[in-house]
Amino acid sequence: MSAIAVFFVAVGIADICRRVTDRWWPTLICGPVAALGCALVAGLWHFGDLVLVVVSAAAVVGWVVLCARTERDGTRPTAPLLVFGAAIVILGILSGWASPAAGLVGRWLPWVGLNSIDPTHAVLVVGVVLVQLVTGNQLVRLILGSVGAVRPAGEPQPSDRLKGGRLLGPMERLLILCLGLAGQLAAATAVIAAKGIIRFPELNAQRRDGTDSSGSGIDEVTEYFLVGSFASWLLALAGVGLV
């Protein structure tokens, strides 16, 4: 699991960097540097670990490049999804080469009184949390694009009629993740239900309005909301199950 944890940390940091800067080179460098830094901090410097770090770094670069191309051209949204999924599968298959996390992480946890937490588990939690942020939004948008719920760049989007999704998405995923890790899955389902209740008046009002000036009908908005919400919830629950 340490190899997958390193990949999650690297891709999460790379996506955050991609959102805070318009330059290409910091984003392309950020992912591999984050993968190498995470491996060094976690004491993953054996030969097998380094091979998996190289695989993680290459996957992050491919992910960043393909996501940028998809956003620019509005085409092939499945390509970055395949890279992301293939990276997890390959790292999982080759996980026998990975060493348990130790290093600075292994020494820091007992120092702060967290003796019962396994270092590999701690790094994985950090990686899963990072993925729920910008990377989670990117994954949801790619899934929406693959089913045709997102229009090409420059055209009015169904999301224009549902405000706050990019902020609410990470918030709800983190809340579901925290509740799930605390063993409160029933409370996590309440969060899911609450989102539907909160959005229902907005969708109902737009159903009466029909199609707005942006050209997005209520059916498109509803599809966007349902597919995006379920994809977001599945990402959070997958994080719970993985951790």
C-alpha atoms as a PDB file:
ATOM      1  CA  MET A   1       0.000   0.000   0.000  1.00  0.00           C
ATOM      2  CA  SER A   2       2.932   2.367   0.450  1.00  0.00           C
ATOM      3  CA  ALA A   3       3.384   2.676  -3.340  1.00  0.00           C
ATOM      4  CA  ILE A   4      -0.275   3.638  -3.839  1.00  0.00           C
ATOM      5  CA  ALA A   5       0.039   6.084  -0.950  1.00  0.00           C
ATOM      6  CA  VAL A   6       3.002   7.772  -2.633  1.00  0.00           C
ATOM      7  CA  PHE A   7       1.070   8.010  -5.906  1.00  0.00           C
ATOM      8  CA  PHE A   8      -1.931   9.581  -4.179  1.00  0.00           C
ATOM      9  CA  VAL A   9       0.260  12.145  -2.412  1.00  0.00           C
ATOM     10  CA  ALA A  10       2.057  13.018  -5.644  1.00  0.00           C
ATOM     11  CA  VAL A  11      -1.061  13.341  -7.816  1.00  0.00           C
ATOM     12  CA  GLY A  12      -2.879  15.308  -5.123  1.00  0.00           C
ATOM     13  CA  ILE A  13      -0.055  17.824  -4.775  1.00  0.00           C
ATOM     14  CA  ALA A  14       0.415  18.050  -8.559  1.00  0.00           C
ATOM     15  CA  ASP A  15      -3.266  18.874  -9.096  1.00  0.00           C
ATOM     16  CA  ILE A  16      -3.204  21.526  -6.384  1.00  0.00           C
ATOM     17  CA  CYS A  17      -0.146  23.054  -8.049  1.00  0.00           C
ATOM     18  CA  ARG A  18      -1.912  22.954 -11.424  1.00  0.00           C
ATOM     19  CA  ARG A  19      -4.795  24.984 -10.013  1.00  0.00           C
ATOM     20  CA  VAL A  20      -2.668  27.673  -8.366  1.00  0.00           C
ATOM     21  CA  THR A  21      -0.370  28.396 -11.311  1.00  0.00           C
ATOM     22  CA  ASP A  22      -0.791  28.831 -15.057  1.00  0.00           C
ATOM     23  CA  ARG A  23       2.780  27.749 -15.843  1.00  0.00           C
ATOM     24  CA  TRP A  24       3.469  24.285 -17.180  1.00  0.00           C
ATOM     25  CA  TRP A  25       6.886  23.509 -15.765  1.00  0.00           C
ATOM     26  CA  PRO A  26       6.072  23.851 -12.027  1.00  0.00           C
ATOM     27  CA  THR A  27       3.160  21.430 -12.402  1.00  0.00           C
ATOM     28  CA  LEU A  28       5.146  18.850 -14.350  1.00  0.00           C
ATOM     29  CA  ILE A  29       8.000  19.010 -11.845  1.00  0.00           C
ATOM     30  CA  CYS A  30       5.781  19.137  -8.769  1.00  0.00           C
ATOM     31  CA  GLY A  31       4.346  15.621  -9.142  1.00  0.00           C
ATOM     32  CA  PRO A  32       7.627  13.686  -9.510  1.00  0.00           C
ATOM     33  CA  VAL A  33       9.289  15.815  -6.813  1.00  0.00           C
ATOM     34  CA  ALA A  34       6.364  15.124  -4.464  1.00  0.00           C
ATOM     35  CA  ALA A  35       6.609  11.387  -5.175  1.00  0.00           C
ATOM     36  CA  LEU A  36      10.345  11.364  -4.487  1.00  0.00           C
ATOM     37  CA  GLY A  37       9.993  13.538  -1.389  1.00  0.00           C
ATOM     38  CA  CYS A  38       7.216  11.384   0.037  1.00  0.00           C
ATOM     39  CA  ALA A  39       9.261   8.227  -0.570  1.00  0.00           C
ATOM     40  CA  LEU A  40      12.311   9.705   1.162  1.00  0.00           C
ATOM     41  CA  VAL A  41      10.312  10.959   4.146  1.00  0.00           C
ATOM     42  CA  ALA A  42       8.658   7.540   4.488  1.00  0.00           C
ATOM     43  CA  GLY A  43      11.960   5.688   4.203  1.00  0.00           C
ATOM     44  CA  LEU A  44      11.083   4.053   0.889  1.00  0.00           C
ATOM     45  CA  TRP A  45      14.519   3.968  -0.706  1.00  0.00           C
ATOM     46  CA  HIS A  46      15.055   0.290  -1.521  1.00  0.00           C
ATOM     47  CA  PHE A  47      15.366  -0.781  -5.151  1.00  0.00           C
ATOM     48  CA  GLY A  48      11.770  -1.975  -5.457  1.00  0.00           C
ATOM     49  CA  ASP A  49      10.511   1.223  -3.831  1.00  0.00           C
ATOM     50  CA  LEU A  50      12.441   3.379  -6.284  1.00  0.00           C
ATOM     51  CA  VAL A  51      11.016   1.451  -9.243  1.00  0.00           C
ATOM     52  CA  LEU A  52       7.491   2.081  -7.949  1.00  0.00           C
ATOM     53  CA  VAL A  53       8.302   5.753  -7.344  1.00  0.00           C
ATOM     54  CA  VAL A  54       9.363   6.057 -10.992  1.00  0.00           C
ATOM     55  CA  VAL A  55       6.093   4.420 -12.066  1.00  0.00           C
ATOM     56  CA  SER A  56       4.146   6.817  -9.830  1.00  0.00           C
ATOM     57  CA  ALA A  57       6.019   9.855 -11.136  1.00  0.00           C
ATOM     58  CA  ALA A  58       5.450   8.829 -14.765  1.00  0.00           C
ATOM     59  CA  ALA A  59       1.752   8.240 -14.095  1.00  0.00           C
ATOM     60  CA  VAL A  60       1.390  11.658 -12.477  1.00  0.00           C
ATOM     61  CA  VAL A  61       3.039  13.371 -15.442  1.00  0.00           C
ATOM     62  CA  GLY A  62       0.780  11.495 -17.849  1.00  0.00           C
ATOM     63  CA  TRP A  63      -2.261  12.374 -15.750  1.00  0.00           C
ATOM     64  CA  VAL A  64      -1.402  16.081 -15.677  1.00  0.00           C
ATOM     65  CA  VAL A  65      -0.683  16.269 -19.426  1.00  0.00           C
ATOM     66  CA  LEU A  66      -3.824  14.383 -20.436  1.00  0.00           C
ATOM     67  CA  CYS A  67      -6.050  16.363 -18.053  1.00  0.00           C
ATOM     68  CA  ALA A  68      -4.710  19.626 -19.457  1.00  0.00           C
ATOM     69  CA  ARG A  69      -5.313  18.436 -23.027  1.00  0.00           C
ATOM     70  CA  THR A  70      -8.849  17.355 -22.170  1.00  0.00           C
ATOM     71  CA  GLU A  71      -9.625  20.709 -20.589  1.00  0.00           C
ATOM     72  CA  ARG A  72      -8.161  22.542 -23.570  1.00  0.00           C
ATOM     73  CA  ASP A  73      -9.712  20.513 -26.385  1.00  0.00           C
ATOM     74  CA  GLY A  74     -12.716  18.983 -24.654  1.00  0.00           C
ATOM     75  CA  THR A  75     -11.853  15.576 -26.121  1.00  0.00           C
ATOM     76  CA  ARG A  76     -10.833  12.129 -24.850  1.00  0.00           C
ATOM     77  CA  PRO A  77     -11.921  12.485 -21.202  1.00  0.00           C
ATOM     78  CA  THR A  78     -11.443   8.749 -20.729  1.00  0.00           C
ATOM     79  CA  ALA A  79      -7.673   8.896 -21.419  1.00  0.00           C
ATOM     80  CA  PRO A  80      -6.676  10.452 -18.053  1.00  0.00           C
ATOM     81  CA  LEU A  81      -9.164   8.189 -16.278  1.00  0.00           C
ATOM     82  CA  LEU A  82      -7.457   5.164 -17.815  1.00  0.00           C
ATOM     83  CA  VAL A  83      -4.038   6.458 -16.754  1.00  0.00           C
ATOM     84  CA  PHE A  84      -5.240   7.041 -13.191  1.00  0.00           C
ATOM     85  CA  GLY A  85      -6.874   3.621 -12.941  1.00  0.00           C
ATOM     86  CA  ALA A  86      -3.987   1.829 -14.630  1.00  0.00           C
ATOM     87  CA  ALA A  87      -1.507   3.430 -12.222  1.00  0.00           C
ATOM     88  CA  ILE A  88      -3.451   2.128  -9.216  1.00  0.00           C
ATOM     89  CA  VAL A  89      -3.757  -1.358 -10.727  1.00  0.00           C
ATOM     90  CA  ILE A  90      -0.066  -1.571 -11.678  1.00  0.00           C
ATOM     91  CA  LEU A  91       1.107  -0.271  -8.313  1.00  0.00           C
ATOM     92  CA  GLY A  92      -1.223  -2.725  -6.595  1.00  0.00           C
ATOM     93  CA  ILE A  93       0.090  -5.659  -8.639  1.00  0.00           C
ATOM     94  CA  LEU A  94       3.695  -4.660  -7.956  1.00  0.00           C
ATOM     95  CA  SER A  95       3.069  -3.788  -4.312  1.00  0.00           C
ATOM     96  CA  GLY A  96       5.123  -6.777  -3.247  1.00  0.00           C
ATOM     97  CA  TRP A  97       8.213  -4.733  -4.170  1.00  0.00           C
ATOM     98  CA  ALA A  98       7.216  -1.949  -1.777  1.00  0.00           C
ATOM     99  CA  SER A  99       8.621  -1.693   1.723  1.00  0.00           C
ATOM    100  CA  PRO A 100       6.540  -0.662   4.740  1.00  0.00           C
ATOM    101  CA  ALA A 101       6.800   3.050   5.421  1.00  0.00           C
ATOM    102  CA  ALA A 102       9.276   4.016   8.129  1.00  0.00           C
ATOM    103  CA  GLY A 103      11.912   6.749   8.037  1.00  0.00           C
ATOM    104  CA  LEU A 104      10.969  10.156   9.392  1.00  0.00           C
ATOM    105  CA  VAL A 105       7.284   9.253   9.429  1.00  0.00           C
ATOM    106  CA  GLY A 106       7.980   6.179  11.536  1.00  0.00           C
ATOM    107  CA  ARG A 107       9.952   8.248  14.037  1.00  0.00           C
ATOM    108  CA  TRP A 108       7.573  11.229  14.062  1.00  0.00           C
ATOM    109  CA  LEU A 109       4.413   9.271  14.926  1.00  0.00           C
ATOM    110  CA  PRO A 110       5.704   7.934  18.287  1.00  0.00           C
ATOM    111  CA  TRP A 111       7.220  11.351  19.027  1.00  0.00           C
ATOM    112  CA  VAL A 112       3.744  12.957  18.882  1.00  0.00           C
ATOM    113  CA  GLY A 113       2.166  10.115  20.842  1.00  0.00           C
ATOM    114  CA  LEU A 114       0.599   8.242  17.908  1.00  0.00           C
ATOM    115  CA  ASN A 115       2.342   4.951  18.623  1.00  0.00           C
ATOM    116  CA  SER A 116      -0.637   2.846  17.571  1.00  0.00           C
ATOM    117  CA  ILE A 117      -0.749   4.243  14.013  1.00  0.00           C
ATOM    118  CA  ASP A 118       1.154   2.335  11.361  1.00  0.00           C
ATOM    119  CA  PRO A 119       3.385   4.655   9.249  1.00  0.00           C
ATOM    120  CA  THR A 120       2.157   3.156   5.967  1.00  0.00           C
ATOM    121  CA  HIS A 121      -1.420   3.694   7.079  1.00  0.00           C
ATOM    122  CA  ALA A 122      -0.626   7.296   8.022  1.00  0.00           C
ATOM    123  CA  VAL A 123       0.895   8.066   4.613  1.00  0.00           C
ATOM    124  CA  LEU A 124      -2.081   6.427   2.905  1.00  0.00           C
ATOM    125  CA  VAL A 125      -4.506   8.584   4.894  1.00  0.00           C
ATOM    126  CA  VAL A 126      -2.626  11.721   3.813  1.00  0.00           C
ATOM    127  CA  GLY A 127      -2.714  10.587   0.178  1.00  0.00           C
ATOM    128  CA  VAL A 128      -6.426   9.755   0.257  1.00  0.00           C
ATOM    129  CA  VAL A 129      -7.221  13.134   1.833  1.00  0.00           C
ATOM    130  CA  LEU A 130      -5.239  14.961  -0.862  1.00  0.00           C
ATOM    131  CA  VAL A 131      -7.040  13.036  -3.596  1.00  0.00           C
ATOM    132  CA  GLN A 132     -10.414  14.171  -2.234  1.00  0.00           C
ATOM    133  CA  LEU A 133      -9.520  17.798  -2.964  1.00  0.00           C
ATOM    134  CA  VAL A 134      -8.625  19.039  -6.463  1.00  0.00           C
ATOM    135  CA  THR A 135      -8.006  15.557  -7.862  1.00  0.00           C
ATOM    136  CA  GLY A 136     -11.474  14.463  -6.789  1.00  0.00           C
ATOM    137  CA  ASN A 137     -13.039  17.391  -8.626  1.00  0.00           C
ATOM    138  CA  GLN A 138     -10.989  16.531 -11.711  1.00  0.00           C
ATOM    139  CA  LEU A 139     -12.023  12.873 -11.603  1.00  0.00           C
ATOM    140  CA  VAL A 140     -15.700  13.792 -11.256  1.00  0.00           C
ATOM    141  CA  ARG A 141     -15.480  16.216 -14.170  1.00  0.00           C
ATOM    142  CA  LEU A 142     -13.782  13.598 -16.357  1.00  0.00           C
ATOM    143  CA  ILE A 143     -16.508  11.088 -15.528  1.00  0.00           C
ATOM    144  CA  LEU A 144     -19.131  13.685 -16.413  1.00  0.00           C
ATOM    145  CA  GLY A 145     -17.323  14.375 -19.682  1.00  0.00           C
ATOM    146  CA  SER A 146     -17.137  10.676 -20.532  1.00  0.00           C
ATOM    147  CA  VAL A 147     -20.946  10.356 -20.305  1.00  0.00           C
ATOM    148  CA  GLY A 148     -21.566  13.594 -22.200  1.00  0.00           C
ATOM    149  CA  ALA A 149     -22.795  15.595 -19.223  1.00  0.00           C
ATOM    150  CA  VAL A 150     -20.167  18.319 -19.817  1.00  0.00           C
ATOM    151  CA  ARG A 151     -20.113  20.480 -22.922  1.00  0.00           C
ATOM    152  CA  PRO A 152     -16.935  21.501 -24.799  1.00  0.00           C
ATOM    153  CA  ALA A 153     -14.887  24.324 -23.312  1.00  0.00           C
ATOM    154  CA  GLY A 154     -16.253  27.771 -24.076  1.00  0.00           C
ATOM    155  CA  GLU A 155     -19.886  26.678 -24.211  1.00  0.00           C
ATOM    156  CA  PRO A 156     -22.445  27.209 -21.396  1.00  0.00           C
ATOM    157  CA  GLN A 157     -22.284  24.368 -18.898  1.00  0.00           C
ATOM    158  CA  PRO A 158     -25.077  22.727 -16.855  1.00  0.00           C
ATOM    159  CA  SER A 159     -22.920  23.496 -13.809  1.00  0.00           C
ATOM    160  CA  ASP A 160     -23.590  27.198 -14.397  1.00  0.00           C
ATOM    161  CA  ARG A 161     -27.021  26.634 -12.875  1.00  0.00           C
ATOM    162  CA  LEU A 162     -25.700  24.772  -9.824  1.00  0.00           C
ATOM    163  CA  LYS A 163     -23.436  27.071  -7.857  1.00  0.00           C
ATOM    164  CA  GLY A 164     -20.765  26.033  -5.382  1.00  0.00           C
ATOM    165  CA  GLY A 165     -20.145  22.532  -6.696  1.00  0.00           C
ATOM    166  CA  ARG A 166     -16.354  22.856  -6.845  1.00  0.00           C
ATOM    167  CA  LEU A 167     -16.278  23.883  -3.194  1.00  0.00           C
ATOM    168  CA  LEU A 168     -19.049  21.621  -1.908  1.00  0.00           C
ATOM    169  CA  GLY A 169     -17.581  18.551  -3.620  1.00  0.00           C
ATOM    170  CA  PRO A 170     -14.297  18.433  -1.649  1.00  0.00           C
ATOM    171  CA  MET A 171     -16.115  19.426   1.544  1.00  0.00           C
ATOM    172  CA  GLU A 172     -18.657  16.622   1.307  1.00  0.00           C
ATOM    173  CA  ARG A 173     -16.007  14.061   0.308  1.00  0.00           C
ATOM    174  CA  LEU A 174     -13.817  15.001   3.269  1.00  0.00           C
ATOM    175  CA  LEU A 175     -16.811  14.882   5.606  1.00  0.00           C
ATOM    176  CA  ILE A 176     -17.847  11.440   4.329  1.00  0.00           C
ATOM    177  CA  LEU A 177     -14.236  10.252   4.596  1.00  0.00           C
ATOM    178  CA  CYS A 178     -13.885  11.481   8.183  1.00  0.00           C
ATOM    179  CA  LEU A 179     -17.220   9.985   9.229  1.00  0.00           C
ATOM    180  CA  GLY A 180     -16.380   6.709   7.531  1.00  0.00           C
ATOM    181  CA  LEU A 181     -12.971   6.467   9.215  1.00  0.00           C
ATOM    182  CA  ALA A 182     -14.674   7.195  12.531  1.00  0.00           C
ATOM    183  CA  GLY A 183     -17.037   4.283  11.920  1.00  0.00           C
ATOM    184  CA  GLN A 184     -20.062   6.537  11.466  1.00  0.00           C
ATOM    185  CA  LEU A 185     -21.259   5.365   8.057  1.00  0.00           C
ATOM    186  CA  ALA A 186     -24.862   6.073   9.040  1.00  0.00           C
ATOM    187  CA  ALA A 187     -23.941   9.713   9.569  1.00  0.00           C
ATOM    188  CA  ALA A 188     -22.207   9.696   6.178  1.00  0.00           C
ATOM    189  CA  THR A 189     -25.448   8.600   4.519  1.00  0.00           C
ATOM    190  CA  ALA A 190     -27.157  11.520   6.246  1.00  0.00           C
ATOM    191  CA  VAL A 191     -24.708  13.859   4.519  1.00  0.00           C
ATOM    192  CA  ILE A 192     -25.620  12.312   1.177  1.00  0.00           C
ATOM    193  CA  ALA A 193     -29.327  12.722   1.884  1.00  0.00           C
ATOM    194  CA  ALA A 194     -28.831  16.303   3.045  1.00  0.00           C
ATOM    195  CA  LYS A 195     -27.223  17.290  -0.235  1.00  0.00           C
ATOM    196  CA  GLY A 196     -30.214  16.026  -2.189  1.00  0.00           C
ATOM    197  CA  ILE A 197     -32.610  17.877   0.093  1.00  0.00           C
ATOM    198  CA  ILE A 198     -30.639  21.102  -0.194  1.00  0.00           C
ATOM    199  CA  ARG A 199     -30.399  20.918  -3.981  1.00  0.00           C
ATOM    200  CA  PHE A 200     -34.009  19.839  -4.553  1.00  0.00           C
ATOM    201  CA  PRO A 201     -35.624  23.304  -4.292  1.00  0.00           C
ATOM    202  CA  GLU A 202     -33.025  24.681  -6.705  1.00  0.00           C
ATOM    203  CA  LEU A 203     -33.655  21.899  -9.227  1.00  0.00           C
ATOM    204  CA  ASN A 204     -37.405  22.161  -8.764  1.00  0.00           C
ATOM    205  CA  ALA A 205     -37.331  25.897  -9.431  1.00  0.00           C
ATOM    206  CA  GLN A 206     -35.306  25.358 -12.585  1.00  0.00           C
ATOM    207  CA  ARG A 207     -37.716  22.641 -13.736  1.00  0.00           C
ATOM    208  CA  ARG A 208     -40.457  25.271 -13.784  1.00  0.00           C
ATOM    209  CA  ASP A 209     -38.190  27.600 -15.735  1.00  0.00           C
ATOM    210  CA  GLY A 210     -37.344  25.003 -18.384  1.00  0.00           C
ATOM    211  CA  THR A 211     -34.326  25.954 -20.521  1.00  0.00           C
ATOM    212  CA  ASP A 212     -32.462  29.122 -19.577  1.00  0.00           C
ATOM    213  CA  SER A 213     -30.484  31.551 -21.707  1.00  0.00           C
ATOM    214  CA  SER A 214     -27.433  29.344 -21.477  1.00  0.00           C
ATOM    215  CA  GLY A 215     -29.257  26.603 -23.357  1.00  0.00           C
ATOM    216  CA  SER A 216     -28.996  24.071 -20.508  1.00  0.00           C
ATOM    217  CA  GLY A 217     -32.294  22.254 -20.019  1.00  0.00           C
ATOM    218  CA  ILE A 218     -33.400  20.834 -16.694  1.00  0.00           C
ATOM    219  CA  ASP A 219     -32.692  17.291 -17.901  1.00  0.00           C
ATOM    220  CA  GLU A 220     -29.042  18.215 -18.534  1.00  0.00           C
ATOM    221  CA  VAL A 221     -28.772  19.892 -15.139  1.00  0.00           C
ATOM    222  CA  THR A 222     -30.364  16.913 -13.390  1.00  0.00           C
ATOM    223  CA  GLU A 223     -28.041  14.478 -15.174  1.00  0.00           C
ATOM    224  CA  TYR A 224     -25.054  16.623 -14.242  1.00  0.00           C
ATOM    225  CA  PHE A 225     -26.153  16.721 -10.591  1.00  0.00           C
ATOM    226  CA  LEU A 226     -26.929  13.016 -10.271  1.00  0.00           C
ATOM    227  CA  VAL A 227     -23.887  11.663 -12.107  1.00  0.00           C
ATOM    228  CA  GLY A 228     -21.537  14.170 -10.460  1.00  0.00           C
ATOM    229  CA  SER A 229     -22.930  13.529  -6.986  1.00  0.00           C
ATOM    230  CA  PHE A 230     -22.758   9.744  -7.242  1.00  0.00           C
ATOM    231  CA  ALA A 231     -19.230   9.898  -8.682  1.00  0.00           C
ATOM    232  CA  SER A 232     -18.151  12.195  -5.846  1.00  0.00           C
ATOM    233  CA  TRP A 233     -19.709   9.963  -3.185  1.00  0.00           C
ATOM    234  CA  LEU A 234     -18.109   6.850  -4.673  1.00  0.00           C
ATOM    235  CA  LEU A 235     -14.694   8.506  -4.574  1.00  0.00           C
ATOM    236  CA  ALA A 236     -15.144   9.324  -0.898  1.00  0.00           C
ATOM    237  CA  LEU A 237     -16.412   5.822  -0.053  1.00  0.00           C
ATOM    238  CA  ALA A 238     -13.569   4.268  -2.068  1.00  0.00           C
ATOM    239  CA  GLY A 239     -11.169   6.284   0.050  1.00  0.00           C
ATOM    240  CA  VAL A 240     -12.841   4.978   3.196  1.00  0.00           C
ATOM    241  CA  GLY A 241     -12.588   1.401   1.990  1.00  0.00           C
ATOM    242  CA  LEU A 242      -8.957   1.768   0.907  1.00  0.00           C
ATOM    243  CA  VAL A 243      -7.855   3.297   4.191  1.00  0.00           C
END
